[in-house]
C-alpha atoms as a PDB file:
ATOM      1  CA  MET A   1     115.915 113.977 108.109  1.00  0.00           C
ATOM      2  CA  ALA A   2     115.822 112.879 111.512  1.00  0.00           C
ATOM      3  CA  GLU A   3     116.093 115.332 114.568  1.00  0.00           C
ATOM      4  CA  ASN A   4     118.859 113.871 115.886  1.00  0.00           C
ATOM      5  CA  GLU A   5     120.939 113.711 112.146  1.00  0.00           C
ATOM      6  CA  GLY A   6     123.788 116.527 111.194  1.00  0.00           C
ATOM      7  CA  VAL A   7     123.988 118.306 108.398  1.00  0.00           C
ATOM      8  CA  ILE A   8     126.697 118.563 105.632  1.00  0.00           C
ATOM      9  CA  LYS A   9     128.506 122.048 106.052  1.00  0.00           C
ATOM     10  CA  LEU A  10     131.472 121.313 103.775  1.00  0.00           C
ATOM     11  CA  ILE A  11     132.710 119.006 101.388  1.00  0.00           C
ATOM     12  CA  ASP A  12     136.306 119.539  99.253  1.00  0.00           C
ATOM     13  CA  GLU A  13     136.750 116.286  97.301  1.00  0.00           C
ATOM     14  CA  GLU A  14     140.261 117.996  96.190  1.00  0.00           C
ATOM     15  CA  GLU A  15     141.463 118.082  99.533  1.00  0.00           C
ATOM     16  CA  GLY A  16     139.760 115.110 100.952  1.00  0.00           C
ATOM     17  CA  ILE A  17     137.630 116.859 103.851  1.00  0.00           C
ATOM     18  CA  VAL A  18     133.855 116.735 104.914  1.00  0.00           C
ATOM     19  CA  VAL A  19     132.940 118.738 107.579  1.00  0.00           C
ATOM     20  CA  LEU A  20     129.832 117.269 109.392  1.00  0.00           C
ATOM     21  CA  GLU A  21     127.926 119.660 112.219  1.00  0.00           C
ATOM     22  CA  GLU A  22     126.135 117.474 114.557  1.00  0.00           C
ATOM     23  CA  TYR A  23     122.600 118.139 116.153  1.00  0.00           C
ATOM     24  CA  ASP A  24     124.192 119.874 118.994  1.00  0.00           C
ATOM     25  CA  GLY A  25     126.163 122.209 116.956  1.00  0.00           C
ATOM     26  CA  GLU A  26     129.389 120.318 117.451  1.00  0.00           C
ATOM     27  CA  GLU A  27     131.489 120.327 114.087  1.00  0.00           C
ATOM     28  CA  ASN A  28     133.429 117.509 113.146  1.00  0.00           C
ATOM     29  CA  ARG A  29     135.904 116.667 110.597  1.00  0.00           C
ATOM     30  CA  TYR A  30     136.539 113.558 108.174  1.00  0.00           C
ATOM     31  CA  GLU A  31     138.643 112.334 105.448  1.00  0.00           C
ATOM     32  CA  ILE A  32     137.452 110.882 102.363  1.00  0.00           C
ATOM     33  CA  VAL A  33     139.432 107.774 101.973  1.00  0.00           C
ATOM     34  CA  VAL A  34     137.492 106.432  98.906  1.00  0.00           C
ATOM     35  CA  VAL A  35     135.842 107.690  96.125  1.00  0.00           C
ATOM     36  CA  LEU A  36     133.604 104.474  94.592  1.00  0.00           C
ATOM     37  CA  ASP A  37     131.936 104.367  91.242  1.00  0.00           C
ATOM     38  CA  ILE A  38     129.082 101.751  91.309  1.00  0.00           C
ATOM     39  CA  ASP A  39     127.296 101.516  88.092  1.00  0.00           C
ATOM     40  CA  GLU A  40     125.932 105.230  87.209  1.00  0.00           C
ATOM     41  CA  ASP A  41     126.462 106.296  91.111  1.00  0.00           C
ATOM     42  CA  THR A  42     129.642 108.140  92.479  1.00  0.00           C
ATOM     43  CA  TYR A  43     129.991 107.315  96.591  1.00  0.00           C
ATOM     44  CA  LEU A  44     132.331 108.828  99.199  1.00  0.00           C
ATOM     45  CA  ILE A  45     133.505 106.990 102.016  1.00  0.00           C
ATOM     46  CA  ILE A  46     134.269 108.708 105.033  1.00  0.00           C
ATOM     47  CA  VAL A  47     136.181 108.350 108.153  1.00  0.00           C
ATOM     48  CA  PRO A  48     136.396 110.341 110.994  1.00  0.00           C
ATOM     49  CA  GLU A  49     139.885 112.302 110.830  1.00  0.00           C
ATOM     50  CA  GLU A  50     141.078 112.069 114.286  1.00  0.00           C
ATOM     51  CA  ASP A  51     140.623 108.664 114.534  1.00  0.00           C
ATOM     52  CA  ASP A  52     141.704 105.192 113.323  1.00  0.00           C
ATOM     53  CA  ALA A  53     138.187 103.862 112.850  1.00  0.00           C
ATOM     54  CA  GLU A  54     137.954 100.960 110.700  1.00  0.00           C
ATOM     55  CA  GLU A  55     134.277 101.860 109.781  1.00  0.00           C
ATOM     56  CA  GLY A  56     133.066 104.995 107.663  1.00  0.00           C
ATOM     57  CA  PHE A  57     130.032 106.702 106.228  1.00  0.00           C
ATOM     58  CA  ALA A  58     129.063 106.471 102.730  1.00  0.00           C
ATOM     59  CA  LEU A  59     127.632 109.724 100.844  1.00  0.00           C
ATOM     60  CA  LYS A  60     126.363 109.374  97.584  1.00  0.00           C
ATOM     61  CA  VAL A  61     127.285 112.101  95.100  1.00  0.00           C
ATOM     62  CA  VAL A  62     123.571 113.198  93.796  1.00  0.00           C
ATOM     63  CA  GLU A  63     123.446 115.870  90.631  1.00  0.00           C
ATOM     64  CA  ASN A  64     119.756 117.756  90.394  1.00  0.00           C
ATOM     65  CA  GLU A  65     118.410 118.476  86.758  1.00  0.00           C
ATOM     66  CA  ASP A  66     120.020 122.214  87.358  1.00  0.00           C
ATOM     67  CA  GLY A  67     123.261 120.317  87.604  1.00  0.00           C
ATOM     68  CA  ASP A  68     124.216 121.046  91.090  1.00  0.00           C
ATOM     69  CA  THR A  69     125.885 118.652  93.029  1.00  0.00           C
ATOM     70  CA  PHE A  70     124.494 117.140  96.466  1.00  0.00           C
ATOM     71  CA  TYR A  71     125.434 114.648  98.970  1.00  0.00           C
ATOM     72  CA  GLU A  72     123.198 112.325 100.703  1.00  0.00           C
ATOM     73  CA  PRO A  73     123.736 109.813 103.506  1.00  0.00           C
ATOM     74  CA  VAL A  74     123.507 106.654 102.354  1.00  0.00           C
ATOM     75  CA  VAL A  75     120.978 104.624 104.863  1.00  0.00           C
ATOM     76  CA  ASP A  76     119.380 101.998 102.604  1.00  0.00           C
ATOM     77  CA  GLU A  77     120.623  98.339 103.551  1.00  0.00           C
ATOM     78  CA  GLU A  78     120.742  97.110 100.131  1.00  0.00           C
ATOM     79  CA  GLU A  79     122.552 100.013  98.948  1.00  0.00           C
ATOM     80  CA  LEU A  80     124.841  99.742 101.970  1.00  0.00           C
ATOM     81  CA  LYS A  81     125.706  95.925 100.782  1.00  0.00           C
ATOM     82  CA  ARG A  82     126.435  96.574  97.287  1.00  0.00           C
ATOM     83  CA  ILE A  83     128.962  99.174  98.349  1.00  0.00           C
ATOM     84  CA  GLU A  84     130.547  96.895 101.202  1.00  0.00           C
ATOM     85  CA  GLU A  85     130.883  94.169  98.282  1.00  0.00           C
ATOM     86  CA  GLU A  86     132.157  96.625  95.951  1.00  0.00           C
ATOM     87  CA  LEU A  87     134.813  97.609  98.590  1.00  0.00           C
ATOM     88  CA  ALA A  88     135.851  93.953  99.420  1.00  0.00           C
ATOM     89  CA  LYS A  89     136.367  93.653  95.303  1.00  0.00           C
ATOM     90  CA  GLU A  90     138.957  96.525  95.794  1.00  0.00           C
ATOM     91  CA  ASP A  91     140.682  94.948  98.200  1.00  0.00           C
ATOM     92  CA  GLU A  92     141.511  91.468  96.526  1.00  0.00           C
END
C-alpha cells in the first residue's frame, strides 16, 4: 500500500456505508451504490456520502482461506475497465 493511501475503517453492507480513514487521519463516509457480481468476483461501488459525484471507487470483496472477508481497492486498469463495461450494461 502506498504511503498516502487511507485504510478502510468500517464496511456495513447492510447499511450501505463505508468509512475510510485518510492518511492524514480524517475519516470520510461513502455510500455503497452498487454491488456488482462479475464472473466469480464481487465488487462494491462507493461514492462520497456528502457529494453528488458521478465517479466512485471500486472495492473488490475477497475471502481468504479461513473464510474471512476483506475489501481491496481496485487499481488494475483492466479490472476497472471490466467493471465500467458491466456497469454500462446495467444502465442499458
